[in-house]
C-alpha cells in the first residue's frame, strides 16, 4: 500500500519533531501494510527559498535513512506545495515534485472560492511535460467550490488525493466511499504529523473501503500510485 501524503521527516515543518517519532511513524505505517510512503513536508514559497527547503529536507531524509530498518516503508522525498500566484510560470518547480520530475502534490487555498486564474494555473501545470498535478486532501474543499469544478478537473486529468480520516469519520465516511465508488479519488494519504496527533491511518481507511467495495478500488489506486512512482525506483535502483 502507498501512503502518498505524510509529514514524517523530522523538524522540517509542523510534522514529526524528532527522528524517534519518525521511526515510530514508519513502524506504525508498516504494521498497517504501507510499503511506500511519500515524505511531503509543507513548502510555502513566501516563507523560504526552494534551496533552503531542499537542503533542510535532505538533511532530515539522510538522518532518517541512517536509522532506516528493513521492513520499514520505502521513503519517497517530495513536498506539499501550497499554491502561489503564478505557480504555473515558476522555473525549476520540478525540484519539489514527488519524484523530482513528475508528481506535484498541490495544496490549494482553504476557505475561499478558487478563482479562474487559480484553476487555469492548475491546468497549465498539468500540461507540462512529465508533470501530473495531485491535489492534496480534496475533501477539505468539496463544500467550498462549485460542484462542476471537480468534473472539469478530472476531465483535465488532474489527480485527486483524500486523507485517510475522510473514510473513518462517521460524518464523512459515506461520502468518501461513494467518491471512491465513482472513481473520484485516485490516491489516499495519511497526512500524518505525529504518533498521537494525526497518526498514520491508511490501513484503517483501506479496510473501510474493502468492507464497502471490495478489493478492486484499492487495486486501482495502488496501480495509479505505483505507475507514478516507478520512475523514482528506476533512478534509485
C-alpha atoms as a PDB file:
ATOM      1  CA  UNK A   1       0.000   0.000   0.000  1.00  0.00           C
ATOM      2  CA  UNK A   2       1.184   3.524  -0.801  1.00  0.00           C
ATOM      3  CA  UNK A   3       0.807   6.484   1.558  1.00  0.00           C
ATOM      4  CA  UNK A   4       1.126   9.372  -0.870  1.00  0.00           C
ATOM      5  CA  UNK A   5       0.997  12.250   1.648  1.00  0.00           C
ATOM      6  CA  UNK A   6       2.777  12.462   5.006  1.00  0.00           C
ATOM      7  CA  UNK A   7       4.777  14.735   7.260  1.00  0.00           C
ATOM      8  CA  UNK A   8       7.173  12.165   8.678  1.00  0.00           C
ATOM      9  CA  UNK A   9      10.503  13.934   8.134  1.00  0.00           C
ATOM     10  CA  UNK A  10      11.756  15.396  11.429  1.00  0.00           C
ATOM     11  CA  UNK A  11      11.998  19.137  12.052  1.00  0.00           C
ATOM     12  CA  UNK A  12      11.158  20.270   8.543  1.00  0.00           C
ATOM     13  CA  UNK A  13       7.612  21.537   9.130  1.00  0.00           C
ATOM     14  CA  UNK A  14       4.783  21.049  11.648  1.00  0.00           C
ATOM     15  CA  UNK A  15       5.062  17.275  11.365  1.00  0.00           C
ATOM     16  CA  UNK A  16       7.472  14.942  13.155  1.00  0.00           C
ATOM     17  CA  UNK A  17       9.563  16.687  15.802  1.00  0.00           C
ATOM     18  CA  UNK A  18      12.299  14.069  16.136  1.00  0.00           C
ATOM     19  CA  UNK A  19      13.924  11.122  14.405  1.00  0.00           C
ATOM     20  CA  UNK A  20      12.499   8.864  17.122  1.00  0.00           C
ATOM     21  CA  UNK A  21       8.949   9.967  16.267  1.00  0.00           C
ATOM     22  CA  UNK A  22       9.659   9.415  12.574  1.00  0.00           C
ATOM     23  CA  UNK A  23      10.865   5.870  13.201  1.00  0.00           C
ATOM     24  CA  UNK A  24       7.720   5.122  15.203  1.00  0.00           C
ATOM     25  CA  UNK A  25       5.547   6.521  12.396  1.00  0.00           C
ATOM     26  CA  UNK A  26       7.363   4.247   9.957  1.00  0.00           C
ATOM     27  CA  UNK A  27       6.768   1.242  12.231  1.00  0.00           C
ATOM     28  CA  UNK A  28       3.087   2.094  12.573  1.00  0.00           C
ATOM     29  CA  UNK A  29       2.735   2.513   8.822  1.00  0.00           C
ATOM     30  CA  UNK A  30       4.455  -0.815   8.129  1.00  0.00           C
ATOM     31  CA  UNK A  31       2.113  -2.586  10.549  1.00  0.00           C
ATOM     32  CA  UNK A  32      -0.814  -1.232   8.520  1.00  0.00           C
ATOM     33  CA  UNK A  33       0.539  -2.653   5.283  1.00  0.00           C
ATOM     34  CA  UNK A  34       2.163   0.504   3.904  1.00  0.00           C
ATOM     35  CA  UNK A  35       5.280  -0.367   1.904  1.00  0.00           C
ATOM     36  CA  UNK A  36       5.868   3.051   0.333  1.00  0.00           C
ATOM     37  CA  UNK A  37       5.431   6.453   1.953  1.00  0.00           C
ATOM     38  CA  UNK A  38       5.843   9.867   0.361  1.00  0.00           C
ATOM     39  CA  UNK A  39       7.520  12.332   2.714  1.00  0.00           C
ATOM     40  CA  UNK A  40       5.863  15.616   1.745  1.00  0.00           C
ATOM     41  CA  UNK A  41       6.713  18.475   4.123  1.00  0.00           C
ATOM     42  CA  UNK A  42       4.927  21.782   3.584  1.00  0.00           C
ATOM     43  CA  UNK A  43       6.523  24.224   1.163  1.00  0.00           C
ATOM     44  CA  UNK A  44       5.374  27.850   1.282  1.00  0.00           C
ATOM     45  CA  UNK A  45       7.001  29.989  -1.384  1.00  0.00           C
ATOM     46  CA  UNK A  46       6.624  33.178   0.659  1.00  0.00           C
ATOM     47  CA  UNK A  47       8.387  31.695   3.704  1.00  0.00           C
ATOM     48  CA  UNK A  48      11.515  30.092   2.304  1.00  0.00           C
ATOM     49  CA  UNK A  49      13.542  29.672  -0.850  1.00  0.00           C
ATOM     50  CA  UNK A  50      13.480  26.272  -2.569  1.00  0.00           C
ATOM     51  CA  UNK A  51      17.220  25.809  -1.989  1.00  0.00           C
ATOM     52  CA  UNK A  52      16.891  26.213   1.778  1.00  0.00           C
ATOM     53  CA  UNK A  53      13.843  23.967   1.895  1.00  0.00           C
ATOM     54  CA  UNK A  54      15.529  21.245  -0.146  1.00  0.00           C
ATOM     55  CA  UNK A  55      18.670  21.426   1.983  1.00  0.00           C
ATOM     56  CA  UNK A  56      16.631  21.073   5.174  1.00  0.00           C
ATOM     57  CA  UNK A  57      14.608  18.219   3.665  1.00  0.00           C
ATOM     58  CA  UNK A  58      17.726  16.376   2.513  1.00  0.00           C
ATOM     59  CA  UNK A  59      19.327  16.669   5.952  1.00  0.00           C
ATOM     60  CA  UNK A  60      16.203  15.220   7.583  1.00  0.00           C
ATOM     61  CA  UNK A  61      15.933  12.464   4.965  1.00  0.00           C
ATOM     62  CA  UNK A  62      19.575  11.449   5.425  1.00  0.00           C
ATOM     63  CA  UNK A  63      19.118  11.437   9.195  1.00  0.00           C
ATOM     64  CA  UNK A  64      16.173   9.069   8.917  1.00  0.00           C
ATOM     65  CA  UNK A  65      17.761   6.810   6.313  1.00  0.00           C
ATOM     66  CA  UNK A  66      20.799   6.329   8.565  1.00  0.00           C
ATOM     67  CA  UNK A  67      18.437   4.575  11.001  1.00  0.00           C
ATOM     68  CA  UNK A  68      16.032   3.068   8.455  1.00  0.00           C
ATOM     69  CA  UNK A  69      15.385  -0.639   9.047  1.00  0.00           C
ATOM     70  CA  UNK A  70      14.380  -3.470   6.682  1.00  0.00           C
ATOM     71  CA  UNK A  71      10.610  -3.804   6.777  1.00  0.00           C
ATOM     72  CA  UNK A  72      10.058  -0.068   7.008  1.00  0.00           C
ATOM     73  CA  UNK A  73       8.239   1.581   4.088  1.00  0.00           C
ATOM     74  CA  UNK A  74      10.346   2.947   1.266  1.00  0.00           C
ATOM     75  CA  UNK A  75      10.536   6.728   1.663  1.00  0.00           C
ATOM     76  CA  UNK A  76       9.993   8.927  -1.400  1.00  0.00           C
ATOM     77  CA  UNK A  77      11.027  12.564  -0.756  1.00  0.00           C
ATOM     78  CA  UNK A  78       8.730  15.283  -2.033  1.00  0.00           C
ATOM     79  CA  UNK A  79       6.780  18.316  -0.866  1.00  0.00           C
ATOM     80  CA  UNK A  80       3.260  19.547  -0.292  1.00  0.00           C
ATOM     81  CA  UNK A  81       3.443  22.783  -2.249  1.00  0.00           C
ATOM     82  CA  UNK A  82       0.973  25.492  -1.305  1.00  0.00           C
ATOM     83  CA  UNK A  83      -0.465  27.350  -4.280  1.00  0.00           C
ATOM     84  CA  UNK A  84       1.019  30.746  -5.043  1.00  0.00           C
ATOM     85  CA  UNK A  85       0.212  33.293  -7.738  1.00  0.00           C
ATOM     86  CA  UNK A  86       1.992  32.457 -10.970  1.00  0.00           C
ATOM     87  CA  UNK A  87       2.989  28.967  -9.889  1.00  0.00           C
ATOM     88  CA  UNK A  88       2.496  27.658 -13.419  1.00  0.00           C
ATOM     89  CA  UNK A  89       5.227  30.030 -14.649  1.00  0.00           C
ATOM     90  CA  UNK A  90       7.681  29.101 -11.907  1.00  0.00           C
ATOM     91  CA  UNK A  91      11.020  27.756 -13.082  1.00  0.00           C
ATOM     92  CA  UNK A  92      12.618  24.653 -11.561  1.00  0.00           C
ATOM     93  CA  UNK A  93       9.381  23.749  -9.817  1.00  0.00           C
ATOM     94  CA  UNK A  94      10.143  20.111 -10.591  1.00  0.00           C
ATOM     95  CA  UNK A  95      12.673  20.091  -7.744  1.00  0.00           C
ATOM     96  CA  UNK A  96       9.667  19.966  -5.423  1.00  0.00           C
ATOM     97  CA  UNK A  97       7.946  17.155  -7.284  1.00  0.00           C
ATOM     98  CA  UNK A  98       7.395  13.844  -5.591  1.00  0.00           C
ATOM     99  CA  UNK A  99       9.945  12.021  -7.687  1.00  0.00           C
ATOM    100  CA  UNK A 100      11.862  15.089  -8.846  1.00  0.00           C
ATOM    101  CA  UNK A 101      10.088  15.295 -12.180  1.00  0.00           C
ATOM    102  CA  UNK A 102       6.524  14.033 -12.284  1.00  0.00           C
ATOM    103  CA  UNK A 103       4.103  14.410  -9.353  1.00  0.00           C
ATOM    104  CA  UNK A 104       3.320  17.800  -7.826  1.00  0.00           C
ATOM    105  CA  UNK A 105       1.343  17.464  -4.590  1.00  0.00           C
ATOM    106  CA  UNK A 106      -0.508  20.770  -4.628  1.00  0.00           C
ATOM    107  CA  UNK A 107      -2.326  22.267  -1.644  1.00  0.00           C
ATOM    108  CA  UNK A 108      -4.941  24.817  -2.628  1.00  0.00           C
ATOM    109  CA  UNK A 109      -6.229  27.780  -0.554  1.00  0.00           C
ATOM    110  CA  UNK A 110      -8.805  26.826   2.058  1.00  0.00           C
ATOM    111  CA  UNK A 111     -11.932  28.756   2.981  1.00  0.00           C
ATOM    112  CA  UNK A 112     -12.377  30.586  -0.301  1.00  0.00           C
ATOM    113  CA  UNK A 113     -13.712  30.045  -3.809  1.00  0.00           C
ATOM    114  CA  UNK A 114     -10.865  29.355  -6.191  1.00  0.00           C
ATOM    115  CA  UNK A 115     -10.526  31.966  -8.904  1.00  0.00           C
ATOM    116  CA  UNK A 116     -10.412  31.292 -12.628  1.00  0.00           C
ATOM    117  CA  UNK A 117      -6.715  32.194 -12.503  1.00  0.00           C
ATOM    118  CA  UNK A 118      -6.061  29.500  -9.913  1.00  0.00           C
ATOM    119  CA  UNK A 119      -7.865  26.885 -11.986  1.00  0.00           C
ATOM    120  CA  UNK A 120      -6.013  27.995 -15.092  1.00  0.00           C
ATOM    121  CA  UNK A 121      -2.711  27.602 -13.229  1.00  0.00           C
ATOM    122  CA  UNK A 122      -3.628  24.030 -12.310  1.00  0.00           C
ATOM    123  CA  UNK A 123      -4.381  23.182 -15.929  1.00  0.00           C
ATOM    124  CA  UNK A 124      -1.191  24.867 -17.144  1.00  0.00           C
ATOM    125  CA  UNK A 125       0.868  22.909 -14.642  1.00  0.00           C
ATOM    126  CA  UNK A 126      -0.745  19.654 -15.647  1.00  0.00           C
ATOM    127  CA  UNK A 127       0.039  20.312 -19.310  1.00  0.00           C
ATOM    128  CA  UNK A 128       3.756  20.490 -18.591  1.00  0.00           C
ATOM    129  CA  UNK A 129       5.754  17.555 -19.976  1.00  0.00           C
ATOM    130  CA  UNK A 130       6.312  14.854 -17.351  1.00  0.00           C
ATOM    131  CA  UNK A 131       4.062  16.595 -14.821  1.00  0.00           C
ATOM    132  CA  UNK A 132       0.980  15.348 -13.021  1.00  0.00           C
ATOM    133  CA  UNK A 133      -0.811  17.586 -10.546  1.00  0.00           C
ATOM    134  CA  UNK A 134      -2.120  15.750  -7.489  1.00  0.00           C
ATOM    135  CA  UNK A 135      -4.494  17.898  -5.441  1.00  0.00           C
ATOM    136  CA  UNK A 136      -3.981  17.311  -1.729  1.00  0.00           C
ATOM    137  CA  UNK A 137      -6.849  16.360   0.614  1.00  0.00           C
ATOM    138  CA  UNK A 138      -9.658  17.456  -1.705  1.00  0.00           C
ATOM    139  CA  UNK A 139     -12.289  16.592   0.897  1.00  0.00           C
ATOM    140  CA  UNK A 140     -11.445  19.887   2.608  1.00  0.00           C
ATOM    141  CA  UNK A 141     -12.646  21.872  -0.381  1.00  0.00           C
ATOM    142  CA  UNK A 142     -15.721  19.996  -1.561  1.00  0.00           C
ATOM    143  CA  UNK A 143     -18.233  22.355   0.026  1.00  0.00           C
ATOM    144  CA  UNK A 144     -16.305  25.500  -0.887  1.00  0.00           C
ATOM    145  CA  UNK A 145     -16.097  25.137  -4.660  1.00  0.00           C
ATOM    146  CA  UNK A 146     -18.579  24.933  -7.500  1.00  0.00           C
ATOM    147  CA  UNK A 147     -19.793  21.362  -7.856  1.00  0.00           C
ATOM    148  CA  UNK A 148     -18.885  21.158 -11.547  1.00  0.00           C
ATOM    149  CA  UNK A 149     -15.245  22.129 -10.923  1.00  0.00           C
ATOM    150  CA  UNK A 150     -14.380  18.577  -9.828  1.00  0.00           C
ATOM    151  CA  UNK A 151     -15.652  17.060 -13.061  1.00  0.00           C
ATOM    152  CA  UNK A 152     -13.712  19.666 -15.039  1.00  0.00           C
ATOM    153  CA  UNK A 153     -10.521  18.946 -13.102  1.00  0.00           C
ATOM    154  CA  UNK A 154     -10.847  15.230 -13.724  1.00  0.00           C
ATOM    155  CA  UNK A 155     -11.527  15.887 -17.403  1.00  0.00           C
ATOM    156  CA  UNK A 156      -8.144  17.651 -17.478  1.00  0.00           C
ATOM    157  CA  UNK A 157      -6.500  14.561 -15.898  1.00  0.00           C
ATOM    158  CA  UNK A 158      -5.800  16.262 -12.569  1.00  0.00           C
ATOM    159  CA  UNK A 159      -5.335  13.620  -9.867  1.00  0.00           C
ATOM    160  CA  UNK A 160      -7.214  13.726  -6.555  1.00  0.00           C
ATOM    161  CA  UNK A 161      -5.941  12.681  -3.113  1.00  0.00           C
ATOM    162  CA  UNK A 162      -8.047  12.201   0.011  1.00  0.00           C
ATOM    163  CA  UNK A 163      -6.879  11.765   3.596  1.00  0.00           C
ATOM    164  CA  UNK A 164      -7.430   8.517   5.455  1.00  0.00           C
ATOM    165  CA  UNK A 165      -9.564  10.249   8.092  1.00  0.00           C
ATOM    166  CA  UNK A 166     -12.152  11.079   5.416  1.00  0.00           C
ATOM    167  CA  UNK A 167     -13.012   7.366   5.344  1.00  0.00           C
ATOM    168  CA  UNK A 168     -13.085   6.928   9.103  1.00  0.00           C
ATOM    169  CA  UNK A 169     -15.121   9.869  10.370  1.00  0.00           C
ATOM    170  CA  UNK A 170     -18.731   8.726  10.679  1.00  0.00           C
ATOM    171  CA  UNK A 171     -19.859  12.131   9.353  1.00  0.00           C
ATOM    172  CA  UNK A 172     -17.918  11.791   6.092  1.00  0.00           C
ATOM    173  CA  UNK A 173     -17.418   8.034   5.593  1.00  0.00           C
ATOM    174  CA  UNK A 174     -20.491   7.550   3.387  1.00  0.00           C
ATOM    175  CA  UNK A 175     -19.461  10.432   1.120  1.00  0.00           C
ATOM    176  CA  UNK A 176     -15.872   9.143   0.932  1.00  0.00           C
ATOM    177  CA  UNK A 177     -16.939   5.620  -0.050  1.00  0.00           C
ATOM    178  CA  UNK A 178     -19.278   6.991  -2.712  1.00  0.00           C
ATOM    179  CA  UNK A 179     -16.471   9.088  -4.198  1.00  0.00           C
ATOM    180  CA  UNK A 180     -14.213   6.038  -4.412  1.00  0.00           C
ATOM    181  CA  UNK A 181     -17.030   4.049  -5.995  1.00  0.00           C
ATOM    182  CA  UNK A 182     -17.444   6.817  -8.593  1.00  0.00           C
ATOM    183  CA  UNK A 183     -13.671   6.864  -9.226  1.00  0.00           C
ATOM    184  CA  UNK A 184     -13.390  10.409  -7.929  1.00  0.00           C
ATOM    185  CA  UNK A 185     -10.458   9.537  -5.645  1.00  0.00           C
ATOM    186  CA  UNK A 186      -7.154   8.474  -7.167  1.00  0.00           C
ATOM    187  CA  UNK A 187      -4.903   8.146  -4.132  1.00  0.00           C
ATOM    188  CA  UNK A 188      -5.039   8.075  -0.342  1.00  0.00           C
ATOM    189  CA  UNK A 189      -2.604   9.667   2.083  1.00  0.00           C
ATOM    190  CA  UNK A 190      -2.367   9.599   5.853  1.00  0.00           C
ATOM    191  CA  UNK A 191      -1.284  13.259   6.097  1.00  0.00           C
ATOM    192  CA  UNK A 192       0.184  12.045   9.383  1.00  0.00           C
ATOM    193  CA  UNK A 193       2.054  14.504  11.597  1.00  0.00           C
ATOM    194  CA  UNK A 194       2.772  12.594  14.796  1.00  0.00           C
ATOM    195  CA  UNK A 195       2.044   9.402  16.712  1.00  0.00           C
ATOM    196  CA  UNK A 196      -0.863  10.820  18.714  1.00  0.00           C
ATOM    197  CA  UNK A 197      -1.993  13.891  16.775  1.00  0.00           C
ATOM    198  CA  UNK A 198      -2.951  12.957  13.217  1.00  0.00           C
ATOM    199  CA  UNK A 199      -1.346   9.485  13.250  1.00  0.00           C
ATOM    200  CA  UNK A 200      -0.996   7.271  10.156  1.00  0.00           C
ATOM    201  CA  UNK A 201      -4.337   5.589   9.413  1.00  0.00           C
ATOM    202  CA  UNK A 202      -4.066   4.357   5.832  1.00  0.00           C
ATOM    203  CA  UNK A 203      -4.575   0.763   6.906  1.00  0.00           C
ATOM    204  CA  UNK A 204      -7.871   1.550   8.601  1.00  0.00           C
ATOM    205  CA  UNK A 205      -9.019   3.590   5.603  1.00  0.00           C
ATOM    206  CA  UNK A 206      -8.177   0.707   3.267  1.00  0.00           C
ATOM    207  CA  UNK A 207     -10.183  -1.669   5.440  1.00  0.00           C
ATOM    208  CA  UNK A 208     -13.191   0.679   5.329  1.00  0.00           C
ATOM    209  CA  UNK A 209     -13.005   0.741   1.530  1.00  0.00           C
ATOM    210  CA  UNK A 210     -12.508  -3.021   1.344  1.00  0.00           C
ATOM    211  CA  UNK A 211     -15.508  -3.686   3.583  1.00  0.00           C
ATOM    212  CA  UNK A 212     -17.764  -1.476   1.473  1.00  0.00           C
ATOM    213  CA  UNK A 213     -16.495  -2.057  -2.061  1.00  0.00           C
ATOM    214  CA  UNK A 214     -14.098  -4.996  -2.100  1.00  0.00           C
ATOM    215  CA  UNK A 215     -10.515  -5.095  -3.395  1.00  0.00           C
ATOM    216  CA  UNK A 216     -10.947  -3.551  -6.858  1.00  0.00           C
ATOM    217  CA  UNK A 217     -10.860   0.146  -5.806  1.00  0.00           C
ATOM    218  CA  UNK A 218      -7.761  -0.463  -3.685  1.00  0.00           C
ATOM    219  CA  UNK A 219      -6.046  -2.277  -6.541  1.00  0.00           C
ATOM    220  CA  UNK A 220      -6.918   0.563  -8.911  1.00  0.00           C
ATOM    221  CA  UNK A 221      -5.475   3.224  -6.591  1.00  0.00           C
ATOM    222  CA  UNK A 222      -2.393   1.123  -5.898  1.00  0.00           C
ATOM    223  CA  UNK A 223      -1.769   0.766  -9.637  1.00  0.00           C
ATOM    224  CA  UNK A 224      -2.039   4.535 -10.125  1.00  0.00           C
ATOM    225  CA  UNK A 225       0.416   5.194  -7.307  1.00  0.00           C
ATOM    226  CA  UNK A 226       2.979   2.636  -8.429  1.00  0.00           C
ATOM    227  CA  UNK A 227       2.909   3.895 -12.001  1.00  0.00           C
ATOM    228  CA  UNK A 228       3.564   7.428 -10.769  1.00  0.00           C
ATOM    229  CA  UNK A 229       6.468   6.329  -8.580  1.00  0.00           C
ATOM    230  CA  UNK A 230       8.060   3.852 -10.990  1.00  0.00           C
ATOM    231  CA  UNK A 231      10.497   6.408 -12.394  1.00  0.00           C
ATOM    232  CA  UNK A 232      11.867   7.149  -8.924  1.00  0.00           C
ATOM    233  CA  UNK A 233      12.547   3.479  -8.278  1.00  0.00           C
ATOM    234  CA  UNK A 234      14.297   3.057 -11.641  1.00  0.00           C
ATOM    235  CA  UNK A 235      16.558   6.032 -10.900  1.00  0.00           C
ATOM    236  CA  UNK A 236      17.458   4.770  -7.432  1.00  0.00           C
ATOM    237  CA  UNK A 237      17.787   1.061  -8.245  1.00  0.00           C
END
